[in-house]
């Protein structure tokens, strides 16, 4: 899937950040601090993400169709390679999401744990 926008770590990061933006905005909505402008931006980002996913799904479908119908069937002696690739492909799709999602959660956790509370910082009087 090389060469298509949204297929690398940047695309995965984009997708996870859009999910995070929606979750955060829901939290702000509960606290009555949400804004329509941010919801419009989030909707736009979700639309872009939907187009990226649709293009990737179309590419996946086309490649599978081409492999099954246009390219001659894999010879019996090399069939194990094709079966191996079919088994490994889902792992290759899910693994970057798990790694990047874990990194994002750890980043937010570190920010939350290492940021001093605002009330505890008091200017010293001279």
C-alpha atoms as a PDB file:
ATOM      1  CA  UNK A   1       0.000   0.000   0.000  1.00  0.00           C
ATOM      2  CA  UNK A   2       2.955   2.274  -0.499  1.00  0.00           C
ATOM      3  CA  UNK A   3       2.382   5.696  -1.944  1.00  0.00           C
ATOM      4  CA  UNK A   4      -1.201   6.278  -0.823  1.00  0.00           C
ATOM      5  CA  UNK A   5      -1.935   9.071   1.644  1.00  0.00           C
ATOM      6  CA  UNK A   6      -3.044   7.830   5.017  1.00  0.00           C
ATOM      7  CA  UNK A   7      -1.485   4.380   4.790  1.00  0.00           C
ATOM      8  CA  UNK A   8       1.553   4.911   7.005  1.00  0.00           C
ATOM      9  CA  UNK A   9       2.049   5.825  10.637  1.00  0.00           C
ATOM     10  CA  UNK A  10       0.953   9.378   9.842  1.00  0.00           C
ATOM     11  CA  UNK A  11      -2.433   8.105   8.682  1.00  0.00           C
ATOM     12  CA  UNK A  12      -2.828   5.919  11.737  1.00  0.00           C
ATOM     13  CA  UNK A  13      -1.836   8.834  13.965  1.00  0.00           C
ATOM     14  CA  UNK A  14      -4.414  11.010  12.149  1.00  0.00           C
ATOM     15  CA  UNK A  15      -7.152   8.411  12.716  1.00  0.00           C
ATOM     16  CA  UNK A  16      -6.370   7.964  16.402  1.00  0.00           C
ATOM     17  CA  UNK A  17      -6.230  11.722  16.976  1.00  0.00           C
ATOM     18  CA  UNK A  18      -9.643  12.183  15.364  1.00  0.00           C
ATOM     19  CA  UNK A  19     -11.067   9.584  17.724  1.00  0.00           C
ATOM     20  CA  UNK A  20      -9.360  11.347  20.643  1.00  0.00           C
ATOM     21  CA  UNK A  21     -10.758  14.731  19.524  1.00  0.00           C
ATOM     22  CA  UNK A  22     -14.296  13.320  19.503  1.00  0.00           C
ATOM     23  CA  UNK A  23     -13.882  11.721  22.941  1.00  0.00           C
ATOM     24  CA  UNK A  24     -12.462  14.958  24.353  1.00  0.00           C
ATOM     25  CA  UNK A  25     -15.251  17.031  22.836  1.00  0.00           C
ATOM     26  CA  UNK A  26     -17.845  14.684  24.343  1.00  0.00           C
ATOM     27  CA  UNK A  27     -16.152  15.248  27.714  1.00  0.00           C
ATOM     28  CA  UNK A  28     -16.348  19.005  27.146  1.00  0.00           C
ATOM     29  CA  UNK A  29     -20.007  18.648  26.133  1.00  0.00           C
ATOM     30  CA  UNK A  30     -20.762  16.931  29.436  1.00  0.00           C
ATOM     31  CA  UNK A  31     -19.027  19.811  31.237  1.00  0.00           C
ATOM     32  CA  UNK A  32     -20.964  22.332  29.061  1.00  0.00           C
ATOM     33  CA  UNK A  33     -17.791  23.726  27.474  1.00  0.00           C
ATOM     34  CA  UNK A  34     -18.250  22.329  23.958  1.00  0.00           C
ATOM     35  CA  UNK A  35     -18.508  24.470  20.847  1.00  0.00           C
ATOM     36  CA  UNK A  36     -20.232  24.005  17.511  1.00  0.00           C
ATOM     37  CA  UNK A  37     -17.142  25.210  15.679  1.00  0.00           C
ATOM     38  CA  UNK A  38     -15.065  22.347  17.086  1.00  0.00           C
ATOM     39  CA  UNK A  39     -17.816  19.839  16.248  1.00  0.00           C
ATOM     40  CA  UNK A  40     -17.807  21.086  12.631  1.00  0.00           C
ATOM     41  CA  UNK A  41     -14.038  20.640  12.471  1.00  0.00           C
ATOM     42  CA  UNK A  42     -14.306  17.133  13.936  1.00  0.00           C
ATOM     43  CA  UNK A  43     -17.027  16.236  11.399  1.00  0.00           C
ATOM     44  CA  UNK A  44     -14.784  17.461   8.572  1.00  0.00           C
ATOM     45  CA  UNK A  45     -11.880  15.385   9.860  1.00  0.00           C
ATOM     46  CA  UNK A  46     -14.133  12.318  10.145  1.00  0.00           C
ATOM     47  CA  UNK A  47     -15.228  12.843   6.537  1.00  0.00           C
ATOM     48  CA  UNK A  48     -11.604  12.955   5.379  1.00  0.00           C
ATOM     49  CA  UNK A  49     -10.870   9.810   7.374  1.00  0.00           C
ATOM     50  CA  UNK A  50     -13.896   8.057   5.826  1.00  0.00           C
ATOM     51  CA  UNK A  51     -12.620   8.874   2.335  1.00  0.00           C
ATOM     52  CA  UNK A  52      -9.145   7.550   3.211  1.00  0.00           C
ATOM     53  CA  UNK A  53     -10.646   4.311   4.572  1.00  0.00           C
ATOM     54  CA  UNK A  54     -12.902   3.952   1.500  1.00  0.00           C
ATOM     55  CA  UNK A  55      -9.924   4.353  -0.851  1.00  0.00           C
ATOM     56  CA  UNK A  56      -7.917   1.795   1.130  1.00  0.00           C
ATOM     57  CA  UNK A  57     -10.850  -0.646   1.119  1.00  0.00           C
ATOM     58  CA  UNK A  58     -11.198  -0.181  -2.641  1.00  0.00           C
ATOM     59  CA  UNK A  59      -7.497  -0.783  -3.138  1.00  0.00           C
ATOM     60  CA  UNK A  60      -7.616  -3.904  -0.964  1.00  0.00           C
ATOM     61  CA  UNK A  61     -10.613  -5.222  -2.904  1.00  0.00           C
ATOM     62  CA  UNK A  62      -8.949  -4.497  -6.257  1.00  0.00           C
ATOM     63  CA  UNK A  63      -5.705  -6.231  -5.286  1.00  0.00           C
ATOM     64  CA  UNK A  64      -7.591  -9.304  -4.042  1.00  0.00           C
ATOM     65  CA  UNK A  65      -9.663  -9.373  -7.222  1.00  0.00           C
ATOM     66  CA  UNK A  66      -6.557  -9.069  -9.404  1.00  0.00           C
ATOM     67  CA  UNK A  67      -4.718 -11.787  -7.516  1.00  0.00           C
ATOM     68  CA  UNK A  68      -7.630 -14.207  -7.743  1.00  0.00           C
ATOM     69  CA  UNK A  69      -8.792 -13.540 -11.309  1.00  0.00           C
ATOM     70  CA  UNK A  70      -6.007 -12.060 -13.430  1.00  0.00           C
ATOM     71  CA  UNK A  71      -2.844 -13.623 -12.133  1.00  0.00           C
ATOM     72  CA  UNK A  72      -2.415 -17.328 -12.732  1.00  0.00           C
ATOM     73  CA  UNK A  73      -3.037 -19.448  -9.649  1.00  0.00           C
ATOM     74  CA  UNK A  74      -0.047 -20.071  -7.438  1.00  0.00           C
ATOM     75  CA  UNK A  75       1.753 -23.262  -8.304  1.00  0.00           C
ATOM     76  CA  UNK A  76       1.325 -26.054  -5.807  1.00  0.00           C
ATOM     77  CA  UNK A  77       4.964 -25.970  -4.711  1.00  0.00           C
ATOM     78  CA  UNK A  78       4.725 -22.264  -3.734  1.00  0.00           C
ATOM     79  CA  UNK A  79       1.178 -22.312  -2.325  1.00  0.00           C
ATOM     80  CA  UNK A  80       2.498 -22.118   1.242  1.00  0.00           C
ATOM     81  CA  UNK A  81       3.872 -18.612   0.567  1.00  0.00           C
ATOM     82  CA  UNK A  82       0.438 -17.363  -0.492  1.00  0.00           C
ATOM     83  CA  UNK A  83      -1.197 -18.971   2.569  1.00  0.00           C
ATOM     84  CA  UNK A  84       1.454 -17.435   4.844  1.00  0.00           C
ATOM     85  CA  UNK A  85       0.837 -13.972   3.394  1.00  0.00           C
ATOM     86  CA  UNK A  86      -2.907 -14.380   3.873  1.00  0.00           C
ATOM     87  CA  UNK A  87      -2.337 -15.263   7.541  1.00  0.00           C
ATOM     88  CA  UNK A  88       0.158 -12.454   8.237  1.00  0.00           C
ATOM     89  CA  UNK A  89      -1.737  -9.616   6.542  1.00  0.00           C
ATOM     90  CA  UNK A  90      -4.293  -8.988   9.337  1.00  0.00           C
ATOM     91  CA  UNK A  91      -1.480  -8.799  11.876  1.00  0.00           C
ATOM     92  CA  UNK A  92       0.344  -6.247   9.746  1.00  0.00           C
ATOM     93  CA  UNK A  93      -2.807  -4.133   9.616  1.00  0.00           C
ATOM     94  CA  UNK A  94      -3.595  -4.218  13.359  1.00  0.00           C
ATOM     95  CA  UNK A  95      -0.093  -3.957  14.853  1.00  0.00           C
ATOM     96  CA  UNK A  96       0.628  -0.289  13.974  1.00  0.00           C
ATOM     97  CA  UNK A  97      -2.705   0.768  15.520  1.00  0.00           C
ATOM     98  CA  UNK A  98      -1.857  -1.072  18.737  1.00  0.00           C
ATOM     99  CA  UNK A  99       1.655   0.379  18.931  1.00  0.00           C
ATOM    100  CA  UNK A 100       0.631   3.952  18.168  1.00  0.00           C
ATOM    101  CA  UNK A 101      -2.449   3.760  20.394  1.00  0.00           C
ATOM    102  CA  UNK A 102      -0.283   2.562  23.273  1.00  0.00           C
ATOM    103  CA  UNK A 103       2.186   5.377  22.638  1.00  0.00           C
ATOM    104  CA  UNK A 104      -0.612   7.981  22.654  1.00  0.00           C
ATOM    105  CA  UNK A 105      -2.059   6.627  25.895  1.00  0.00           C
ATOM    106  CA  UNK A 106       1.373   6.628  27.540  1.00  0.00           C
ATOM    107  CA  UNK A 107       1.984  10.183  26.346  1.00  0.00           C
ATOM    108  CA  UNK A 108      -1.301  11.389  27.842  1.00  0.00           C
ATOM    109  CA  UNK A 109      -0.628   9.459  31.041  1.00  0.00           C
ATOM    110  CA  UNK A 110       2.857  10.990  31.348  1.00  0.00           C
ATOM    111  CA  UNK A 111       1.462  14.476  30.723  1.00  0.00           C
ATOM    112  CA  UNK A 112      -1.223  13.923  33.334  1.00  0.00           C
ATOM    113  CA  UNK A 113       1.199  12.531  35.928  1.00  0.00           C
ATOM    114  CA  UNK A 114       4.067  14.964  35.352  1.00  0.00           C
ATOM    115  CA  UNK A 115       2.130  18.237  35.057  1.00  0.00           C
ATOM    116  CA  UNK A 116       2.029  19.975  38.434  1.00  0.00           C
ATOM    117  CA  UNK A 117      -1.383  21.078  39.678  1.00  0.00           C
ATOM    118  CA  UNK A 118      -2.077  24.742  38.949  1.00  0.00           C
ATOM    119  CA  UNK A 119      -3.173  25.470  42.528  1.00  0.00           C
ATOM    120  CA  UNK A 120       0.063  24.204  44.091  1.00  0.00           C
ATOM    121  CA  UNK A 121       2.252  26.679  42.218  1.00  0.00           C
ATOM    122  CA  UNK A 122       2.326  29.928  44.161  1.00  0.00           C
ATOM    123  CA  UNK A 123       4.614  32.845  43.488  1.00  0.00           C
ATOM    124  CA  UNK A 124       7.081  33.493  46.278  1.00  0.00           C
ATOM    125  CA  UNK A 125       6.807  36.836  47.964  1.00  0.00           C
ATOM    126  CA  UNK A 126      10.028  38.788  48.357  1.00  0.00           C
END
